[in-house]
N, C-alpha and C. Protein backbone atom coordinates (compact mmCIF):
# COMPACT_ATOMS: atom_id res chain seq x y z
N MET A 1 -94.10 34.59 37.04
CA MET A 1 -93.58 35.98 37.61
C MET A 1 -93.37 36.89 36.60
N ALA A 2 -94.14 38.15 36.60
CA ALA A 2 -93.82 39.01 35.45
C ALA A 2 -92.49 39.54 35.68
N LEU A 3 -92.01 40.00 34.72
CA LEU A 3 -90.58 40.56 34.51
C LEU A 3 -90.95 42.15 33.96
N LEU A 4 -90.39 43.04 34.93
CA LEU A 4 -90.10 44.46 34.62
C LEU A 4 -88.95 44.51 33.73
N LEU A 5 -88.77 44.88 32.51
CA LEU A 5 -87.63 45.25 31.74
C LEU A 5 -86.50 46.01 32.48
N ASN A 6 -85.35 45.82 32.79
CA ASN A 6 -84.64 46.72 33.52
C ASN A 6 -83.62 47.27 32.43
N ALA A 7 -82.96 48.12 33.11
CA ALA A 7 -82.03 49.07 31.88
C ALA A 7 -80.91 48.03 31.26
N ASP A 8 -80.54 46.92 31.83
CA ASP A 8 -79.57 46.28 31.03
C ASP A 8 -80.32 45.49 30.04
N LEU A 9 -81.47 45.08 30.18
CA LEU A 9 -82.16 44.31 29.27
C LEU A 9 -82.56 45.30 27.97
N ILE A 10 -82.84 46.63 28.31
CA ILE A 10 -83.27 47.62 27.34
C ILE A 10 -81.95 47.89 26.68
N GLU A 11 -80.74 48.06 27.09
CA GLU A 11 -79.49 48.37 26.40
C GLU A 11 -79.07 47.49 25.47
N SER A 12 -79.27 45.87 25.99
CA SER A 12 -79.17 44.68 25.15
C SER A 12 -79.82 44.96 23.89
N ALA A 13 -81.25 45.34 24.02
CA ALA A 13 -82.25 45.45 22.83
C ALA A 13 -81.64 46.44 21.94
N ARG A 14 -81.12 47.37 22.48
CA ARG A 14 -80.44 48.76 21.50
C ARG A 14 -79.43 48.31 20.75
N LEU A 15 -78.37 47.40 21.53
CA LEU A 15 -77.34 46.63 20.75
C LEU A 15 -77.74 45.94 19.63
N LEU A 16 -78.80 45.06 19.84
CA LEU A 16 -79.13 43.91 19.14
C LEU A 16 -79.57 44.84 17.76
N GLN A 17 -80.34 45.80 17.86
CA GLN A 17 -81.11 46.49 16.73
C GLN A 17 -79.98 47.37 16.01
N ARG A 18 -79.14 47.95 16.74
CA ARG A 18 -77.85 48.79 15.84
C ARG A 18 -76.99 47.46 15.36
N SER A 19 -76.75 46.53 15.83
CA SER A 19 -75.98 45.49 15.43
C SER A 19 -76.48 44.73 14.24
N LEU A 20 -77.82 44.71 14.37
CA LEU A 20 -78.48 44.03 12.97
C LEU A 20 -78.67 44.68 11.80
N TYR A 21 -78.62 46.13 12.17
CA TYR A 21 -78.71 47.23 11.07
C TYR A 21 -77.56 47.00 10.38
N LYS A 22 -76.40 46.96 10.99
CA LYS A 22 -75.02 47.30 10.38
C LYS A 22 -74.98 45.87 9.46
N ILE A 23 -75.24 44.74 9.83
CA ILE A 23 -75.20 43.31 9.28
C ILE A 23 -75.81 43.69 8.15
N LEU A 24 -77.12 44.08 8.12
CA LEU A 24 -77.82 43.95 6.85
C LEU A 24 -77.50 45.04 5.95
N LEU A 25 -77.06 46.27 6.54
CA LEU A 25 -76.81 47.42 5.56
C LEU A 25 -75.27 47.03 4.83
N ASN A 26 -74.39 46.08 5.37
CA ASN A 26 -73.25 45.87 4.63
C ASN A 26 -73.42 44.55 3.90
N SER A 27 -74.38 43.87 3.65
CA SER A 27 -74.98 42.56 3.02
C SER A 27 -74.71 43.19 1.46
N ALA A 28 -74.24 42.18 0.82
CA ALA A 28 -74.03 42.27 -0.61
C ALA A 28 -75.43 42.06 -1.33
N CYS A 29 -76.49 41.86 -0.71
CA CYS A 29 -77.80 41.45 -1.27
C CYS A 29 -78.49 42.73 -1.27
N PRO A 30 -79.22 43.16 -2.51
CA PRO A 30 -79.80 44.48 -2.59
C PRO A 30 -80.93 44.49 -1.63
N ASP A 31 -81.93 43.34 -1.36
CA ASP A 31 -82.86 43.21 -0.53
C ASP A 31 -82.53 43.54 1.12
N ALA A 32 -81.36 43.48 1.08
CA ALA A 32 -80.68 43.85 2.71
C ALA A 32 -80.75 45.36 2.85
N GLN A 33 -80.82 46.28 1.83
CA GLN A 33 -80.66 47.77 2.18
C GLN A 33 -82.12 48.00 2.69
N VAL A 34 -83.00 47.27 2.02
CA VAL A 34 -84.53 47.84 2.62
C VAL A 34 -84.68 47.31 3.90
N HIS A 35 -84.31 46.13 4.14
CA HIS A 35 -84.57 45.55 5.31
C HIS A 35 -83.75 46.21 6.69
N ALA A 36 -82.59 46.56 6.08
CA ALA A 36 -81.75 47.55 7.11
C ALA A 36 -82.46 48.86 7.38
N ALA A 37 -82.98 49.48 6.50
CA ALA A 37 -83.82 50.87 6.84
C ALA A 37 -84.94 50.39 7.74
N SER A 38 -85.47 49.19 7.40
CA SER A 38 -86.63 48.96 8.42
C SER A 38 -86.46 48.93 10.05
N ILE A 39 -84.99 48.06 9.98
CA ILE A 39 -84.49 47.87 11.16
C ILE A 39 -84.18 49.15 12.01
N ASP A 40 -83.48 50.03 11.25
CA ASP A 40 -83.09 51.21 11.55
C ASP A 40 -84.10 52.19 12.18
N GLN A 41 -85.13 52.15 11.51
CA GLN A 41 -86.39 52.89 11.68
C GLN A 41 -87.42 52.61 12.60
N ALA A 42 -87.41 51.11 13.02
CA ALA A 42 -88.05 50.48 13.98
C ALA A 42 -88.21 51.24 15.46
N GLN A 43 -89.17 51.41 16.10
CA GLN A 43 -89.24 52.05 17.27
C GLN A 43 -89.70 51.00 18.11
N TRP A 44 -88.94 50.44 19.06
CA TRP A 44 -89.31 49.52 20.08
C TRP A 44 -89.77 50.21 21.52
N THR A 45 -90.84 49.72 21.77
CA THR A 45 -91.21 50.26 23.23
C THR A 45 -91.20 49.11 24.31
N THR A 46 -90.83 49.19 25.31
CA THR A 46 -90.80 48.11 26.35
C THR A 46 -92.24 47.71 26.88
N LYS A 47 -92.21 46.53 27.35
CA LYS A 47 -93.37 46.21 28.13
C LYS A 47 -92.89 44.97 28.85
N HIS A 48 -93.88 44.52 29.89
CA HIS A 48 -93.49 43.59 30.89
C HIS A 48 -94.77 42.67 30.86
N LEU A 49 -94.42 41.58 29.91
CA LEU A 49 -95.45 40.35 29.94
C LEU A 49 -94.85 39.23 30.24
N TRP A 50 -93.42 38.91 30.39
CA TRP A 50 -92.92 37.89 30.63
C TRP A 50 -93.38 36.99 31.41
N ASP A 51 -93.76 35.70 31.51
CA ASP A 51 -94.36 34.82 32.67
C ASP A 51 -93.55 33.49 32.27
N GLU A 52 -93.25 32.74 33.43
CA GLU A 52 -92.25 31.52 33.52
C GLU A 52 -93.22 30.59 32.52
N SER A 53 -94.30 30.72 32.45
CA SER A 53 -95.14 29.48 31.58
C SER A 53 -94.80 29.48 30.21
N ASN A 54 -94.17 30.42 30.02
CA ASN A 54 -93.87 30.64 28.36
C ASN A 54 -92.15 30.35 28.02
N ALA A 55 -91.62 29.84 29.14
CA ALA A 55 -90.19 29.68 29.32
C ALA A 55 -89.80 28.54 27.97
N LEU A 56 -88.55 28.47 27.48
CA LEU A 56 -88.25 27.36 26.73
C LEU A 56 -88.21 26.03 27.19
N PRO A 57 -88.94 25.06 26.59
CA PRO A 57 -89.01 23.77 27.17
C PRO A 57 -87.66 23.30 27.62
N ARG A 58 -87.66 22.42 28.76
CA ARG A 58 -86.32 22.14 29.27
C ARG A 58 -85.81 20.97 28.09
N CYS A 59 -86.39 20.09 27.47
CA CYS A 59 -85.88 19.19 26.38
C CYS A 59 -84.85 20.12 25.48
N LEU A 60 -85.44 21.63 25.27
CA LEU A 60 -84.88 22.31 24.33
C LEU A 60 -83.67 23.26 24.63
N LEU A 61 -83.51 23.37 26.02
CA LEU A 61 -82.57 24.11 26.37
C LEU A 61 -81.14 23.48 26.28
N PRO A 62 -80.96 22.35 26.14
CA PRO A 62 -79.49 22.06 25.43
C PRO A 62 -79.06 22.57 24.14
N ASP A 63 -80.24 22.26 23.40
CA ASP A 63 -80.05 22.74 22.03
C ASP A 63 -79.62 24.15 21.74
N LEU A 64 -80.61 24.95 22.73
CA LEU A 64 -80.24 26.33 22.70
C LEU A 64 -78.78 27.03 23.02
N SER A 65 -78.36 26.17 24.29
CA SER A 65 -77.05 26.39 24.86
C SER A 65 -76.03 25.91 23.48
N GLN A 66 -76.14 24.72 23.12
CA GLN A 66 -75.08 24.43 22.15
C GLN A 66 -75.08 25.28 20.87
N ALA A 67 -76.41 25.78 20.42
CA ALA A 67 -76.39 26.77 19.21
C ALA A 67 -75.53 28.05 19.54
N VAL A 68 -75.71 28.48 20.71
CA VAL A 68 -75.43 30.01 21.05
C VAL A 68 -73.98 29.79 21.23
N ASP A 69 -73.57 28.74 21.79
CA ASP A 69 -71.89 28.45 22.03
C ASP A 69 -71.15 28.47 21.00
N ALA A 70 -71.97 27.89 19.85
CA ALA A 70 -71.34 27.48 18.43
C ALA A 70 -71.32 28.61 17.44
N ALA A 71 -72.31 29.78 17.79
CA ALA A 71 -72.63 30.63 16.73
C ALA A 71 -71.28 31.30 16.43
N PRO A 72 -71.51 31.69 15.11
CA PRO A 72 -69.84 32.33 14.78
C PRO A 72 -70.15 34.03 15.14
N ARG A 73 -68.69 34.14 15.43
CA ARG A 73 -68.31 35.67 15.93
C ARG A 73 -67.34 36.02 15.07
N THR A 74 -67.56 36.02 13.82
CA THR A 74 -66.37 36.35 12.55
C THR A 74 -66.02 37.63 12.43
N HIS A 75 -67.02 38.48 13.04
CA HIS A 75 -66.84 40.16 12.96
C HIS A 75 -67.45 40.74 13.97
N GLU A 76 -67.06 42.00 14.18
CA GLU A 76 -67.46 42.99 15.51
C GLU A 76 -68.95 42.72 15.60
N ASP A 77 -69.82 43.09 14.44
CA ASP A 77 -71.36 43.33 14.56
C ASP A 77 -71.98 42.11 14.87
N LEU A 78 -71.33 40.72 14.59
CA LEU A 78 -71.92 39.36 14.58
C LEU A 78 -71.82 39.13 15.92
N ASP A 79 -70.54 39.59 16.51
CA ASP A 79 -70.13 39.27 18.03
C ASP A 79 -71.30 39.93 19.05
N ALA A 80 -71.39 41.36 18.33
CA ALA A 80 -72.32 42.02 19.05
C ALA A 80 -73.83 41.38 19.13
N VAL A 81 -74.33 41.09 18.21
CA VAL A 81 -75.63 40.41 17.96
C VAL A 81 -75.66 39.26 19.14
N ILE A 82 -74.80 38.28 19.01
CA ILE A 82 -74.70 37.08 19.88
C ILE A 82 -74.72 37.76 21.40
N GLY A 83 -73.80 38.55 21.91
CA GLY A 83 -73.60 39.37 23.07
C GLY A 83 -75.11 39.88 23.39
N ALA A 84 -75.73 40.63 22.46
CA ALA A 84 -76.93 41.18 22.81
C ALA A 84 -77.95 40.30 23.08
N LEU A 85 -77.95 39.12 22.66
CA LEU A 85 -78.90 38.28 22.73
C LEU A 85 -78.86 37.42 24.03
N SER A 86 -77.65 37.18 24.31
CA SER A 86 -77.33 36.38 25.66
C SER A 86 -78.35 36.81 26.93
N PRO A 87 -78.35 38.17 27.33
CA PRO A 87 -79.20 38.74 28.39
C PRO A 87 -80.82 38.44 28.26
N LEU A 88 -80.91 38.62 26.81
CA LEU A 88 -82.59 38.54 26.52
C LEU A 88 -83.37 37.04 26.58
N LEU A 89 -82.49 36.06 26.21
CA LEU A 89 -82.93 34.83 26.05
C LEU A 89 -83.69 34.27 27.07
N PRO A 90 -83.29 34.34 28.43
CA PRO A 90 -83.96 33.68 29.54
C PRO A 90 -85.43 34.28 29.46
N HIS A 91 -85.61 35.69 29.00
CA HIS A 91 -86.79 36.28 29.37
C HIS A 91 -87.92 36.44 28.25
N LEU A 92 -87.58 35.78 27.27
CA LEU A 92 -88.29 35.49 25.91
C LEU A 92 -89.59 34.90 26.20
N THR A 93 -90.55 34.97 25.49
CA THR A 93 -91.70 34.25 25.43
C THR A 93 -91.60 33.27 24.08
N TRP A 94 -91.41 32.00 24.36
CA TRP A 94 -91.46 30.77 23.30
C TRP A 94 -92.47 30.38 22.96
N ILE A 95 -92.67 30.53 21.76
CA ILE A 95 -94.03 30.20 21.17
C ILE A 95 -93.81 28.87 20.12
N LYS A 96 -94.72 28.01 19.81
CA LYS A 96 -94.59 26.95 18.82
C LYS A 96 -96.00 27.14 17.76
N ARG A 97 -95.17 26.99 16.27
CA ARG A 97 -96.18 26.55 15.43
C ARG A 97 -96.80 25.29 15.33
N GLN A 98 -98.28 25.23 15.16
CA GLN A 98 -98.87 24.01 15.08
C GLN A 98 -98.84 23.68 13.40
N ALA A 99 -98.76 22.31 13.37
CA ALA A 99 -99.00 21.64 11.89
C ALA A 99 -100.11 22.05 11.27
N GLN A 100 -100.25 22.24 10.06
CA GLN A 100 -101.29 22.38 9.24
C GLN A 100 -101.95 21.26 8.74
N ALA A 101 -102.87 21.21 7.93
CA ALA A 101 -103.69 19.99 7.33
C ALA A 101 -102.54 19.46 6.47
N GLY A 102 -102.35 18.36 6.33
CA GLY A 102 -101.27 17.48 5.36
C GLY A 102 -100.07 17.34 5.79
N GLN A 103 -99.57 18.26 6.92
CA GLN A 103 -98.04 18.50 7.17
C GLN A 103 -97.66 17.47 8.36
N ASP A 104 -96.49 16.98 8.53
CA ASP A 104 -96.02 16.16 9.42
C ASP A 104 -95.78 17.11 10.40
N ASP A 105 -96.40 16.42 11.86
CA ASP A 105 -96.46 17.30 12.67
C ASP A 105 -95.11 16.93 13.77
N SER A 106 -94.28 16.19 13.30
CA SER A 106 -93.11 15.66 14.18
C SER A 106 -92.05 17.00 14.67
N PHE A 107 -92.41 18.22 13.76
CA PHE A 107 -91.80 19.03 14.02
C PHE A 107 -92.18 20.03 15.43
N VAL A 108 -93.39 19.81 15.88
CA VAL A 108 -93.79 20.80 16.83
C VAL A 108 -93.58 20.68 17.96
N GLN A 109 -93.01 19.73 18.42
CA GLN A 109 -92.42 19.69 19.83
C GLN A 109 -90.85 19.94 19.81
N ARG A 110 -90.48 20.10 18.51
CA ARG A 110 -88.83 20.09 18.33
C ARG A 110 -88.51 21.41 17.95
N HIS A 111 -89.07 22.39 17.83
CA HIS A 111 -88.92 23.89 17.68
C HIS A 111 -89.86 24.83 18.46
N ARG A 112 -89.07 26.03 18.59
CA ARG A 112 -89.77 27.24 19.11
C ARG A 112 -89.30 28.57 18.85
N HIS A 113 -90.15 29.39 18.80
CA HIS A 113 -89.86 30.68 18.24
C HIS A 113 -89.73 31.74 19.55
N GLY A 114 -88.45 32.30 19.90
CA GLY A 114 -88.34 33.25 21.06
C GLY A 114 -88.58 34.75 20.54
N MET A 115 -89.60 35.28 21.11
CA MET A 115 -90.11 36.51 20.26
C MET A 115 -89.59 37.56 21.15
N ILE A 116 -89.10 38.37 20.30
CA ILE A 116 -88.06 39.74 20.74
C ILE A 116 -89.17 40.94 20.90
N THR A 117 -89.48 41.12 19.53
CA THR A 117 -90.53 42.31 19.26
C THR A 117 -91.74 41.68 18.80
N GLY A 118 -92.73 42.52 18.81
CA GLY A 118 -94.32 41.92 18.26
C GLY A 118 -95.20 41.71 19.20
N PRO A 119 -96.15 40.97 18.83
CA PRO A 119 -97.47 40.80 19.67
C PRO A 119 -97.04 39.85 21.15
N ALA A 120 -96.09 38.87 20.87
CA ALA A 120 -95.95 38.31 22.05
C ALA A 120 -94.24 38.53 22.55
N GLY A 121 -93.79 39.61 21.89
CA GLY A 121 -92.27 39.85 22.18
C GLY A 121 -92.11 40.65 23.50
N LEU A 122 -90.94 40.93 24.08
CA LEU A 122 -90.46 41.67 25.07
C LEU A 122 -90.92 43.24 24.84
N PHE A 123 -90.75 43.32 23.58
CA PHE A 123 -90.87 44.74 23.08
C PHE A 123 -91.97 44.77 21.98
N GLU A 124 -92.75 46.02 22.18
CA GLU A 124 -93.91 46.26 21.23
C GLU A 124 -93.00 47.10 20.16
N CYS A 125 -93.35 46.71 18.73
CA CYS A 125 -93.06 47.24 17.25
C CYS A 125 -93.84 47.24 16.30
N PRO A 126 -94.61 48.02 16.10
CA PRO A 126 -95.77 47.98 14.93
C PRO A 126 -95.11 47.58 13.50
N SER A 127 -93.91 47.98 13.04
CA SER A 127 -93.34 47.71 11.91
C SER A 127 -92.43 46.51 11.98
N LEU A 128 -92.18 45.96 12.96
CA LEU A 128 -91.11 44.76 12.90
C LEU A 128 -91.46 43.91 13.86
N THR A 129 -91.48 42.47 13.35
CA THR A 129 -91.65 41.37 14.39
C THR A 129 -90.34 40.77 14.01
N LEU A 130 -89.63 40.73 15.44
CA LEU A 130 -88.45 39.79 15.57
C LEU A 130 -88.35 38.62 16.28
N GLY A 131 -87.57 37.56 15.91
CA GLY A 131 -87.70 36.38 16.62
C GLY A 131 -86.58 35.58 16.62
N LEU A 132 -86.27 34.55 17.21
CA LEU A 132 -85.28 33.66 17.28
C LEU A 132 -85.89 32.48 17.23
N ALA A 133 -85.70 31.75 16.06
CA ALA A 133 -86.00 30.43 15.54
C ALA A 133 -84.88 29.39 16.30
N LEU A 134 -85.26 28.28 16.98
CA LEU A 134 -84.49 27.19 17.51
C LEU A 134 -85.40 25.94 17.14
N MET A 135 -84.16 25.14 16.57
CA MET A 135 -84.88 23.46 16.08
C MET A 135 -84.11 22.77 16.72
N ALA A 136 -84.39 21.62 17.19
CA ALA A 136 -83.49 20.51 17.67
C ALA A 136 -82.70 19.68 16.33
N PRO A 137 -81.94 19.02 16.60
CA PRO A 137 -81.18 18.71 15.44
C PRO A 137 -82.25 17.60 14.59
N GLN A 138 -81.94 17.26 13.12
CA GLN A 138 -82.93 16.40 12.23
C GLN A 138 -84.44 17.00 12.41
N THR A 139 -84.48 18.09 12.23
CA THR A 139 -85.83 18.71 12.13
C THR A 139 -86.17 19.61 11.01
N CYS A 140 -87.45 19.33 10.57
CA CYS A 140 -87.86 20.13 9.19
C CYS A 140 -88.86 21.05 9.65
N TYR A 141 -88.85 22.32 9.37
CA TYR A 141 -89.73 23.38 9.56
C TYR A 141 -90.73 23.45 8.20
N PRO A 142 -92.12 23.28 8.41
CA PRO A 142 -92.47 22.95 6.76
C PRO A 142 -92.61 24.09 6.01
N PHE A 143 -92.98 23.46 4.69
CA PHE A 143 -93.11 24.75 3.56
C PHE A 143 -94.22 25.41 4.18
N HIS A 144 -94.23 26.87 4.25
CA HIS A 144 -95.01 27.71 4.45
C HIS A 144 -94.83 29.06 3.48
N GLN A 145 -95.84 30.07 3.78
CA GLN A 145 -95.46 31.24 2.92
C GLN A 145 -96.32 32.30 4.06
N HIS A 146 -96.17 33.78 3.98
CA HIS A 146 -96.88 34.74 4.44
C HIS A 146 -96.52 35.86 3.81
N PRO A 147 -97.42 36.99 3.98
CA PRO A 147 -97.46 38.30 3.05
C PRO A 147 -96.35 38.96 3.51
N PRO A 148 -95.94 39.24 4.75
CA PRO A 148 -94.66 40.20 5.01
C PRO A 148 -93.49 39.58 4.49
N ALA A 149 -92.38 40.57 3.86
CA ALA A 149 -91.23 40.08 3.53
C ALA A 149 -90.40 39.65 4.87
N GLU A 150 -89.37 38.82 4.71
CA GLU A 150 -88.94 38.27 5.65
C GLU A 150 -87.20 38.04 5.61
N PHE A 151 -86.41 38.05 6.83
CA PHE A 151 -85.07 37.93 6.82
C PHE A 151 -84.61 37.11 7.69
N TYR A 152 -83.53 36.35 7.71
CA TYR A 152 -82.97 35.51 8.43
C TYR A 152 -81.44 35.89 8.81
N LEU A 153 -81.11 36.03 9.87
CA LEU A 153 -79.61 36.02 10.10
C LEU A 153 -79.08 34.70 10.66
N VAL A 154 -78.39 33.77 10.13
CA VAL A 154 -78.43 32.54 10.22
C VAL A 154 -77.17 32.42 11.43
N LEU A 155 -77.26 31.56 12.33
CA LEU A 155 -76.51 31.50 13.40
C LEU A 155 -75.94 29.94 13.77
N SER A 156 -76.28 29.21 12.89
CA SER A 156 -75.60 27.72 12.96
C SER A 156 -75.95 27.01 11.51
N PRO A 157 -75.17 25.89 11.27
CA PRO A 157 -75.38 25.29 10.03
C PRO A 157 -77.08 24.59 9.92
N GLY A 158 -77.31 24.66 8.57
CA GLY A 158 -78.74 24.29 8.43
C GLY A 158 -78.93 24.30 7.00
N GLU A 159 -80.07 24.02 6.51
CA GLU A 159 -80.39 24.06 5.20
C GLU A 159 -81.97 24.92 5.08
N TRP A 160 -81.53 25.65 3.95
CA TRP A 160 -82.99 26.43 3.76
C TRP A 160 -83.51 26.27 2.35
N TYR A 161 -85.09 26.73 2.19
CA TYR A 161 -85.44 26.51 0.93
C TYR A 161 -86.36 27.71 0.62
N ARG A 162 -86.32 28.00 -0.69
CA ARG A 162 -87.00 28.98 -1.33
C ARG A 162 -87.55 28.80 -2.72
N GLU A 163 -88.80 28.85 -2.78
CA GLU A 163 -89.46 28.23 -4.16
C GLU A 163 -88.74 28.30 -5.55
N ASP A 164 -87.81 29.75 -5.58
CA ASP A 164 -87.10 29.97 -6.81
C ASP A 164 -85.58 29.43 -6.53
N VAL A 165 -85.24 28.74 -5.36
CA VAL A 165 -83.83 28.47 -5.34
C VAL A 165 -83.73 27.02 -5.14
N GLY A 166 -84.84 26.67 -4.58
CA GLY A 166 -84.60 25.06 -3.87
C GLY A 166 -83.66 24.93 -2.59
N TRP A 167 -83.31 23.83 -2.20
CA TRP A 167 -82.50 23.85 -0.92
C TRP A 167 -80.88 24.38 -0.91
N TRP A 168 -80.66 25.24 0.07
CA TRP A 168 -78.95 25.67 -0.11
C TRP A 168 -78.80 25.55 1.47
N SER A 169 -77.55 25.86 1.49
CA SER A 169 -76.90 25.92 3.04
C SER A 169 -76.18 27.28 2.85
N PRO A 170 -76.75 28.41 3.47
CA PRO A 170 -76.20 29.91 3.51
C PRO A 170 -75.02 29.71 4.39
N GLY A 171 -74.86 28.83 5.49
CA GLY A 171 -73.51 28.71 6.32
C GLY A 171 -73.94 29.88 7.55
N ALA A 172 -73.36 29.27 8.71
CA ALA A 172 -73.61 30.15 9.87
C ALA A 172 -72.78 31.72 9.56
N GLY A 173 -73.74 32.79 9.92
CA GLY A 173 -73.18 33.97 9.44
C GLY A 173 -73.96 34.48 8.28
N GLY A 174 -74.47 33.64 7.61
CA GLY A 174 -75.04 34.01 6.14
C GLY A 174 -76.49 34.71 6.32
N ILE A 175 -76.98 35.19 5.40
CA ILE A 175 -78.21 36.02 5.65
C ILE A 175 -79.39 35.16 4.55
N VAL A 176 -80.37 35.33 4.70
CA VAL A 176 -81.43 34.57 3.66
C VAL A 176 -82.63 35.71 3.93
N PHE A 177 -83.12 35.86 2.54
CA PHE A 177 -84.16 36.88 2.24
C PHE A 177 -85.48 36.02 1.75
N ASN A 178 -86.52 36.32 2.18
CA ASN A 178 -87.74 35.39 1.56
C ASN A 178 -88.75 36.96 1.11
N PRO A 179 -88.91 37.01 -0.19
CA PRO A 179 -89.86 37.89 -0.72
C PRO A 179 -91.50 37.76 0.00
N PRO A 180 -92.05 38.72 -0.17
CA PRO A 180 -93.50 38.41 0.36
C PRO A 180 -94.45 37.16 -0.29
N SER A 181 -94.92 36.34 0.44
CA SER A 181 -95.69 35.26 -0.13
C SER A 181 -94.98 34.37 -0.72
N CYS A 182 -93.74 34.09 -0.90
CA CYS A 182 -93.12 33.24 -1.52
C CYS A 182 -93.18 31.78 -0.67
N ILE A 183 -92.89 30.78 -1.02
CA ILE A 183 -93.12 29.40 -0.27
C ILE A 183 -91.54 29.13 0.18
N HIS A 184 -91.38 29.05 1.42
CA HIS A 184 -90.16 28.60 2.11
C HIS A 184 -89.89 27.61 3.13
N ALA A 185 -89.12 27.11 3.47
CA ALA A 185 -88.89 26.30 4.69
C ALA A 185 -87.26 26.20 4.89
N MET A 186 -87.12 25.53 6.26
CA MET A 186 -85.88 25.31 6.61
C MET A 186 -85.68 23.97 7.57
N ARG A 187 -84.42 23.34 7.50
CA ARG A 187 -84.28 22.17 8.44
C ARG A 187 -82.87 22.19 8.89
N SER A 188 -82.88 21.45 10.07
CA SER A 188 -81.48 21.37 10.76
C SER A 188 -81.00 20.19 10.39
N MET A 189 -79.82 19.90 10.44
CA MET A 189 -79.08 18.94 10.08
C MET A 189 -78.60 18.18 11.54
N ASN A 190 -77.32 17.80 11.62
CA ASN A 190 -76.94 17.00 13.04
C ASN A 190 -76.59 18.02 14.21
N VAL A 191 -76.82 19.20 14.11
CA VAL A 191 -76.78 20.13 15.06
C VAL A 191 -78.28 20.87 15.23
N PRO A 192 -78.30 21.63 16.27
CA PRO A 192 -79.46 22.54 16.55
C PRO A 192 -79.20 23.64 15.49
N LEU A 193 -80.52 23.90 15.05
CA LEU A 193 -80.67 25.46 14.09
C LEU A 193 -81.08 26.53 14.91
N LEU A 194 -80.28 27.43 14.67
CA LEU A 194 -80.56 28.85 15.34
C LEU A 194 -80.40 29.97 14.42
N ALA A 195 -81.35 30.65 14.32
CA ALA A 195 -81.33 31.79 13.30
C ALA A 195 -82.17 33.17 13.98
N LEU A 196 -81.95 34.30 13.69
CA LEU A 196 -82.56 35.44 14.14
C LEU A 196 -83.48 35.79 12.95
N TRP A 197 -84.93 36.10 12.97
CA TRP A 197 -85.41 36.67 11.81
C TRP A 197 -86.52 37.64 12.06
N GLY A 198 -86.86 38.45 11.04
CA GLY A 198 -87.51 39.51 11.19
C GLY A 198 -88.89 39.44 9.97
N LEU A 199 -90.03 39.84 10.42
CA LEU A 199 -90.71 40.13 9.52
C LEU A 199 -91.31 41.66 9.17
N ILE A 200 -91.00 42.24 8.06
CA ILE A 200 -91.19 43.66 8.14
C ILE A 200 -92.68 44.04 7.68
N HIS A 201 -93.33 44.83 8.35
CA HIS A 201 -94.76 44.95 8.05
C HIS A 201 -94.96 46.47 7.50
C-alpha cells in the first residue's frame, strides 16, 4: 500500500532537520560545523514511495522499540530528534547491506537502514542521504569505506571504529565523524544499536 505523506509527517521531518542542525552546530568537533551547514541548507522534497514490503522485519521490531525507548533525551534538541523520528519510523523503507567478499555475513539479517532522505528515502534530497542504522545485539557491521563524508548521531550504547582512532565508545548522545574514504565500522554490545547517520554529497 503506497503512502502519501501527510502534513504531520512533513512537519516531523522539518523538526528532525532543525533539531539535527542544532545538535551538530553546538558540537565541539570542528567537522560538525560543516555538517551542520549541510543539514541547514539541504532541501527535502516529499515523495510517496513507501510500500509495506519494505517494512522492518518482525524479528527486528523489538530491537527498534527497545532502542527508541532507551534513547537519550538529555537536552531539548536530542529529545526533539527522538520525537520527530517516532512518527516517521513506521513509514521508512528499511534496506540491508549485503556482505562483500571475505566478510562475515552473519550481520546481514541482523541489521537494517531506515531511509529518511535519498534514493530509497521518504524524501528526495540531492545533497544529503539520511538514514537510521539499527543492529540487533552482538552484531558487527563490517569494515567499509565510501567517498562521502559521514556523521552519526549515536542513540544507543555501542562501539565504533575509525582507522585513525581504533575502537571507542562515543556513548548515547555522542557524535561520530568519518572523513571521506576512511575505513570505519561499528558494533552493538548487549543491547541494540541505533544511530542516525548522514552522508554529505
